[in-house]
Protein backbone atom coordinates (compact mmCIF):
# COMPACT_ATOMS: atom_id res chain seq x y z
CA MET A 1 -3.09 -59.15 27.69
CA TYR A 2 -0.44 -61.44 26.73
CA LYS A 3 3.35 -61.59 27.06
CA GLU A 4 5.38 -63.44 24.28
CA THR A 5 8.35 -65.55 25.38
CA PHE A 6 10.74 -67.67 23.24
CA ARG A 7 12.10 -70.64 23.69
CA VAL A 8 14.97 -72.29 21.74
CA ASP A 9 16.57 -75.71 21.60
CA PRO A 10 19.93 -75.61 20.34
CA ASP A 11 20.01 -79.26 19.07
CA ASN A 12 16.70 -78.58 17.51
CA GLU A 13 16.14 -76.55 14.63
CA ASN A 14 12.47 -75.93 15.18
CA TYR A 15 11.81 -73.48 17.96
CA SER A 16 8.34 -72.47 19.21
CA VAL A 17 6.88 -69.23 20.45
CA THR A 18 4.36 -69.39 23.20
CA ARG A 19 2.34 -66.27 24.60
CA ARG A 20 1.76 -65.67 28.39
CA SER A 21 -1.46 -64.10 29.43
CA ARG A 22 -1.60 -61.45 32.19
CA PHE A 23 -3.00 -64.32 34.60
CA GLY A 24 -0.04 -66.30 34.09
CA SER A 25 -1.66 -69.03 31.64
CA LYS A 26 0.46 -70.01 28.28
CA LYS A 27 -0.87 -70.34 24.81
CA LYS A 28 0.92 -71.97 21.96
CA THR A 29 0.63 -69.46 19.07
CA SER A 30 2.84 -70.29 16.22
CA LYS A 31 5.99 -72.63 15.38
CA LYS A 32 8.71 -71.64 13.20
CA SER A 33 11.54 -73.33 11.64
CA LYS A 34 15.21 -71.83 11.01
CA LYS A 35 18.21 -73.15 9.55
CA ARG A 36 21.36 -72.42 11.29
CA LYS A 37 24.15 -70.91 8.85
CA THR A 38 27.64 -71.50 9.72
CA TYR A 39 30.95 -69.75 8.17
CA THR A 40 34.19 -70.91 7.48
CA LEU A 41 37.37 -68.60 8.56
CA ASP A 42 38.01 -67.03 5.18
CA GLU A 43 34.36 -66.29 4.64
CA MET A 44 34.58 -64.51 8.30
CA ALA A 45 37.52 -62.62 7.15
CA GLU A 46 35.98 -61.46 3.84
CA ARG A 47 32.84 -60.19 5.90
CA GLU A 48 35.30 -58.35 8.30
CA LYS A 49 37.16 -56.77 5.32
CA ALA A 50 33.88 -55.81 3.51
CA ALA A 51 32.52 -54.48 6.81
CA ARG A 52 35.87 -52.17 6.88
CA ARG A 53 35.47 -51.07 3.64
CA GLY A 54 31.94 -49.93 4.27
CA ASP A 55 33.39 -48.01 7.35
CA GLU A 56 36.23 -46.46 5.37
CA LYS A 57 33.96 -45.33 2.32
CA ARG A 58 31.45 -43.75 4.89
CA SER A 59 34.54 -42.01 6.93
CA LYS A 60 35.55 -40.71 3.30
CA ARG A 61 32.32 -39.44 2.33
CA ALA A 62 32.11 -37.86 5.67
CA GLU A 63 35.32 -35.95 5.59
CA LYS A 64 34.56 -35.01 1.95
CA LYS A 65 31.67 -33.42 3.10
CA ARG A 66 33.41 -31.73 5.88
CA ARG A 67 36.08 -30.24 3.74
CA LYS A 68 33.33 -29.07 1.27
CA GLU A 69 31.47 -27.12 4.32
CA ALA A 70 34.74 -25.86 5.69
CA ALA A 71 35.87 -24.67 1.89
CA LYS A 72 32.49 -23.16 1.42
CA THR A 73 32.74 -21.55 4.84
CA SER A 74 36.46 -20.10 4.20
CA LYS A 75 35.26 -18.93 0.89
CA TRP A 76 32.55 -16.89 2.39
CA VAL A 77 34.95 -15.66 5.11
CA GLN A 78 37.41 -14.48 2.22
CA LYS A 79 34.72 -12.71 0.48
CA ARG A 80 33.78 -10.95 3.66
CA LYS A 81 37.01 -10.05 4.34
CA ALA A 82 37.62 -8.63 0.81
CA ARG A 83 34.40 -6.60 0.99
CA ARG A 84 35.46 -4.87 4.17
CA ILE A 85 38.96 -4.09 2.59
CA ARG A 86 37.04 -2.73 -0.18
CA ASN A 87 34.61 -0.66 1.88
CA PHE A 88 37.83 0.71 4.01
CA ARG A 89 39.51 1.59 0.86
CA ILE A 90 36.57 3.58 -0.58
CA PHE A 91 36.05 5.21 2.73
CA ALA A 92 39.65 6.29 2.95
CA VAL A 93 39.70 7.67 -0.94
CA VAL A 94 36.48 9.80 0.03
CA LEU A 95 37.92 11.02 3.48
CA ILE A 96 41.03 12.23 1.28
CA ILE A 97 39.11 14.02 -1.36
CA PHE A 98 36.90 15.56 1.32
CA CYS A 99 39.99 16.74 3.33
CA ILE A 100 41.48 18.04 0.11
CA LEU A 101 38.38 20.06 -1.03
CA PHE A 102 37.91 21.26 2.57
CA ALA A 103 41.66 22.58 2.57
CA LEU A 104 41.10 24.31 -0.85
CA GLY A 105 37.69 26.02 0.23
CA TYR A 106 39.10 26.97 3.48
CA PHE A 107 42.47 28.95 1.85
CA LEU A 108 41.22 29.90 -1.55
CA PHE A 109 37.61 31.40 -0.68
CA ARG A 110 38.63 34.54 1.06
CA THR A 111 36.21 37.32 0.66
CA GLU A 112 37.68 40.37 -0.87
CA GLU A 113 34.61 42.08 -2.41
CA VAL A 114 30.80 41.86 -1.54
CA GLU A 115 27.90 43.52 -3.68
CA ILE A 116 24.43 44.21 -1.93
CA GLU A 117 21.63 45.04 -3.92
CA GLY A 118 17.74 45.30 -3.15
CA ASN A 119 18.04 46.76 0.10
CA GLU A 120 16.04 50.19 0.88
CA ILE A 121 15.16 49.67 4.45
CA TYR A 122 18.45 48.77 5.79
CA SER A 123 21.70 50.20 4.61
CA ASP A 124 24.53 48.12 3.45
CA GLU A 125 26.35 48.06 6.64
CA MET A 126 23.52 46.51 8.27
CA ILE A 127 23.09 43.71 5.92
CA SER A 128 26.64 43.10 6.14
CA ALA A 129 26.19 42.95 9.65
CA GLN A 130 23.67 40.22 9.44
CA ILE A 131 25.54 38.20 7.22
CA PHE A 132 29.09 38.42 8.25
CA ASN A 133 28.14 37.51 11.87
CA ASP A 134 30.77 34.77 13.00
CA ASP A 135 34.31 34.13 13.05
CA TYR A 136 34.34 32.11 9.66
CA SER A 137 32.36 34.77 7.63
CA TRP A 138 35.57 35.69 6.14
CA ASN A 139 35.26 32.58 3.80
CA GLY A 140 32.76 33.00 0.92
CA LEU A 141 32.08 29.47 0.39
CA TYR A 142 31.30 29.06 4.29
CA VAL A 143 28.75 31.99 3.98
CA TYR A 144 27.25 30.64 0.48
CA LEU A 145 26.98 27.19 2.13
CA ARG A 146 25.59 28.50 5.30
CA GLU A 147 22.83 30.66 3.78
CA LYS A 148 21.91 28.08 1.42
CA PHE A 149 21.46 25.31 3.88
CA VAL A 150 20.91 26.65 7.26
CA LYS A 151 17.76 28.39 8.20
CA ARG A 152 18.59 31.83 9.79
CA ASP A 153 16.43 33.90 12.16
CA ASP A 154 13.68 36.13 10.61
CA VAL A 155 14.76 39.95 10.00
CA PRO A 156 12.07 42.32 10.55
CA PHE A 157 10.78 43.63 7.05
CA ILE A 158 13.11 41.14 4.88
CA ASP A 159 11.64 38.30 2.99
CA GLU A 160 14.47 36.63 1.82
CA VAL A 161 18.28 37.09 1.49
CA GLU A 162 20.11 35.21 -1.47
CA VAL A 163 23.76 34.84 -1.39
CA THR A 164 25.82 33.75 -4.55
CA LEU A 165 29.41 33.20 -5.29
CA GLU A 166 30.99 35.20 -8.08
CA GLY A 167 34.37 34.06 -8.39
CA ARG A 168 36.55 32.81 -5.47
CA LYS A 169 36.77 36.19 -3.92
CA LYS A 170 33.32 37.88 -4.46
CA LEU A 171 30.20 37.60 -2.95
CA HIS A 172 26.87 38.91 -4.28
CA ILE A 173 23.91 39.52 -1.66
CA GLU A 174 20.17 40.03 -3.14
CA VAL A 175 17.87 41.35 -0.57
CA TYR A 176 14.25 40.87 -1.02
CA GLU A 177 12.09 43.06 1.07
CA LYS A 178 8.66 42.52 2.16
CA PRO A 179 6.24 44.45 -0.35
CA MET A 180 4.82 46.83 2.12
CA ILE A 181 2.97 49.82 1.01
CA GLY A 182 1.16 51.10 4.16
CA CYS A 183 1.11 50.70 8.05
CA ILE A 184 -1.60 51.30 10.64
CA ARG A 185 -0.92 51.68 14.42
CA THR A 186 -2.59 48.77 16.35
CA THR A 187 -4.44 48.74 19.67
CA SER A 188 -1.10 47.29 21.28
CA GLY A 189 0.95 50.18 19.89
CA GLU A 190 2.54 48.21 17.38
CA TYR A 191 2.49 48.80 13.64
CA ALA A 192 0.75 46.40 11.23
CA TYR A 193 2.54 46.56 7.90
CA PHE A 194 0.11 45.57 5.23
CA ASP A 195 0.86 44.80 1.01
CA LYS A 196 -1.08 45.88 -1.75
CA GLU A 197 -3.68 43.30 -1.14
CA GLY A 198 -4.19 44.44 2.58
CA ILE A 199 -2.44 41.43 3.89
CA VAL A 200 -0.31 41.71 7.11
CA CYS A 201 3.35 41.17 6.26
CA GLU A 202 5.13 42.47 9.31
CA ILE A 203 4.24 43.59 12.65
CA SER A 204 6.72 45.61 14.43
CA LYS A 205 7.09 48.67 17.10
CA GLU A 206 9.59 50.07 14.52
CA THR A 207 8.70 52.63 11.64
CA VAL A 208 10.04 52.58 8.42
CA ASP A 209 10.76 55.84 6.12
CA GLY A 210 9.00 55.92 3.04
CA ILE A 211 5.78 53.58 4.31
CA PRO A 212 3.02 55.79 5.03
CA LYS A 213 0.93 55.83 8.19
CA ILE A 214 -2.59 55.62 7.88
CA LYS A 215 -4.58 57.58 10.12
CA GLY A 216 -8.63 57.80 10.52
CA ILE A 217 -9.39 54.04 10.52
CA SER A 218 -9.33 51.71 13.45
CA VAL A 219 -8.20 48.21 13.27
CA THR A 220 -10.27 45.26 14.95
CA GLU A 221 -7.83 42.22 14.10
CA THR A 222 -4.48 41.85 13.16
CA LYS A 223 -2.69 38.58 12.25
CA LEU A 224 0.55 37.79 10.56
CA TYR A 225 -0.29 36.94 6.66
CA LYS A 226 -3.90 37.44 7.20
CA LYS A 227 -5.83 40.12 5.72
CA LEU A 228 -6.27 43.50 7.89
CA GLU A 229 -9.80 43.87 9.43
CA THR A 230 -10.90 47.24 10.34
CA ASP A 231 -13.99 48.79 11.32
CA ASP A 232 -15.10 50.07 7.94
CA GLU A 233 -14.03 47.77 5.06
CA THR A 234 -15.15 50.40 2.43
CA VAL A 235 -13.01 53.04 3.74
CA PHE A 236 -10.01 50.51 4.08
CA ARG A 237 -10.53 49.58 0.41
CA THR A 238 -10.37 53.11 -0.60
CA ILE A 239 -7.12 53.88 1.36
CA LEU A 240 -5.77 50.47 -0.50
CA ASN A 241 -6.72 52.13 -3.64
CA LEU A 242 -4.69 55.49 -2.45
CA VAL A 243 -1.72 53.66 -1.44
CA ASN A 244 -1.43 51.43 -4.28
CA LEU A 245 -1.52 54.25 -6.66
CA LEU A 246 1.27 56.13 -4.57
CA ASP A 247 3.22 53.11 -4.98
CA LYS A 248 2.63 52.82 -8.87
CA TYR A 249 3.98 56.37 -9.38
CA ASP A 250 6.78 55.66 -6.84
CA ILE A 251 5.68 58.68 -4.53
CA SER A 252 6.93 58.26 -1.00
CA SER A 253 4.61 59.77 1.58
CA LYS A 254 4.78 60.25 5.17
CA GLU A 255 1.24 60.00 6.11
CA VAL A 256 -2.31 59.31 5.03
CA SER A 257 -5.28 60.62 6.70
CA PHE A 258 -8.95 59.83 6.22
CA ALA A 259 -11.63 62.07 7.58
CA SER A 260 -15.13 61.17 8.58
CA ASP A 261 -16.56 62.91 5.51
CA GLY A 262 -14.07 61.13 3.21
CA GLU A 263 -11.81 63.81 2.70
CA MET A 264 -8.02 62.35 2.09
CA THR A 265 -5.10 63.99 3.10
CA VAL A 266 -1.43 63.20 2.39
CA LYS A 267 1.74 64.52 3.90
CA PHE A 268 5.11 64.83 2.33
CA GLY A 269 7.59 66.46 4.30
CA ASP A 270 6.63 69.94 4.88
CA ILE A 271 3.82 69.52 2.14
CA LYS A 272 0.35 68.74 2.70
CA VAL A 273 -1.81 67.46 -0.13
CA LEU A 274 -5.79 67.89 0.15
CA LEU A 275 -7.18 64.91 -2.27
CA GLY A 276 -10.85 65.40 -1.55
CA THR A 277 -12.97 62.42 -2.08
CA GLU A 278 -11.84 59.31 -4.01
CA ASP A 279 -13.53 60.73 -7.29
CA ASN A 280 -11.05 61.12 -10.08
CA LEU A 281 -8.33 59.70 -7.90
CA PRO A 282 -6.32 58.06 -10.08
CA ASP A 283 -6.11 61.77 -12.13
CA LYS A 284 -5.13 63.37 -8.82
CA ILE A 285 -2.38 61.22 -8.06
CA MET A 286 -0.83 61.32 -11.80
CA ARG A 287 -0.90 64.96 -11.65
CA LEU A 288 0.64 64.94 -8.17
CA SER A 289 3.58 63.08 -9.35
CA LEU A 290 4.35 65.89 -11.93
CA ILE A 291 3.86 68.61 -9.38
CA LEU A 292 5.62 67.09 -6.37
CA PRO A 293 9.44 67.44 -8.05
CA GLU A 294 8.61 71.33 -8.40
CA LEU A 295 7.83 71.65 -4.89
CA GLU A 296 10.84 69.96 -3.23
CA ASP A 297 12.19 72.62 -1.24
CA GLU A 298 8.79 74.34 -0.57
CA SER A 299 6.35 73.95 2.44
CA GLY A 300 2.51 74.63 2.51
CA THR A 301 -0.78 73.15 1.17
CA LEU A 302 -1.65 71.70 -2.12
CA HIS A 303 -5.17 71.62 -3.21
CA LEU A 304 -6.53 68.79 -5.39
CA GLU A 305 -9.83 68.46 -4.02
CA ASP A 306 -11.68 69.70 -7.28
CA PHE A 307 -8.98 68.41 -9.77
CA SER A 308 -10.43 66.66 -13.03
CA LEU A 309 -9.45 66.42 -16.57
CA ASP A 310 -12.07 69.08 -17.17
CA ASN A 311 -10.94 71.27 -14.16
CA THR A 312 -7.37 71.42 -14.03
CA ASP A 313 -6.88 74.54 -11.92
CA ILE A 314 -4.66 73.73 -9.23
CA VAL A 315 -3.92 76.01 -5.93
CA PHE A 316 -0.84 75.83 -3.74
CA LYS A 317 -0.44 78.07 -0.59
CA LYS A 318 2.71 78.50 0.78
CA GLU A 319 3.25 78.58 4.49
């Protein structure tokens, strides 16, 4: 480890460099010679001027850079301010347009006429009570938008209600009822309403006029939108065939009974129709659709057990 020390003789242009060890001993390492340079007063003045000019240039470059950065920042601030003003103007225009449209819709779409179609289970008054059920329902545009975008609570036996505007003062309401063709009483006391495929589409304690009640068969499992499961699938398929035929010929029955021997009975008010087994069932129902209008004010029993295309004898016993 060495420590260098410099000794300079002002009267001598030569100086020596010595290196001192950590133990204090000196060792001469090198010799250098350097010529001393002297300047006149004019030269010193020129050097000072050059130094000042350099400082001024550096100061100007720094100031130019600072102004450039300031201009860039100012330009960004101006753009941001302009963007805010533009966004505010757009928002103000949209708000004004919305207020104008709201005022027009509020005052111009006052409902004066309502047309209801497709409802058989519920009366027009009951459908109107379901639709016009709040303080703003007098406005047709409000009702239309509410029914289009707001999900309403399920109404028994109703699949969908479609509301359309027909002018500023008229509403058209189309009711789509669930396609029920029969119902069976469950063990819980409710009625399971099913469609032509035997799928349960409604479970309710209420009864619906025109939907036949099925008797003579027991239900084992009832789930909404699932196929009705009974203790005898063969019998249930026969009943499905019968109620589908009744629906096809637009025959509204009150009750369908199925006996243990396979005999079927259908009730229409005060008239009881004995259909017998499922043999020739389509022909029997077709013939029944022609006979029922003639027995509208009668009461009794109509025998169709042995009816066929070969045997057209029909007996009606009055009561």
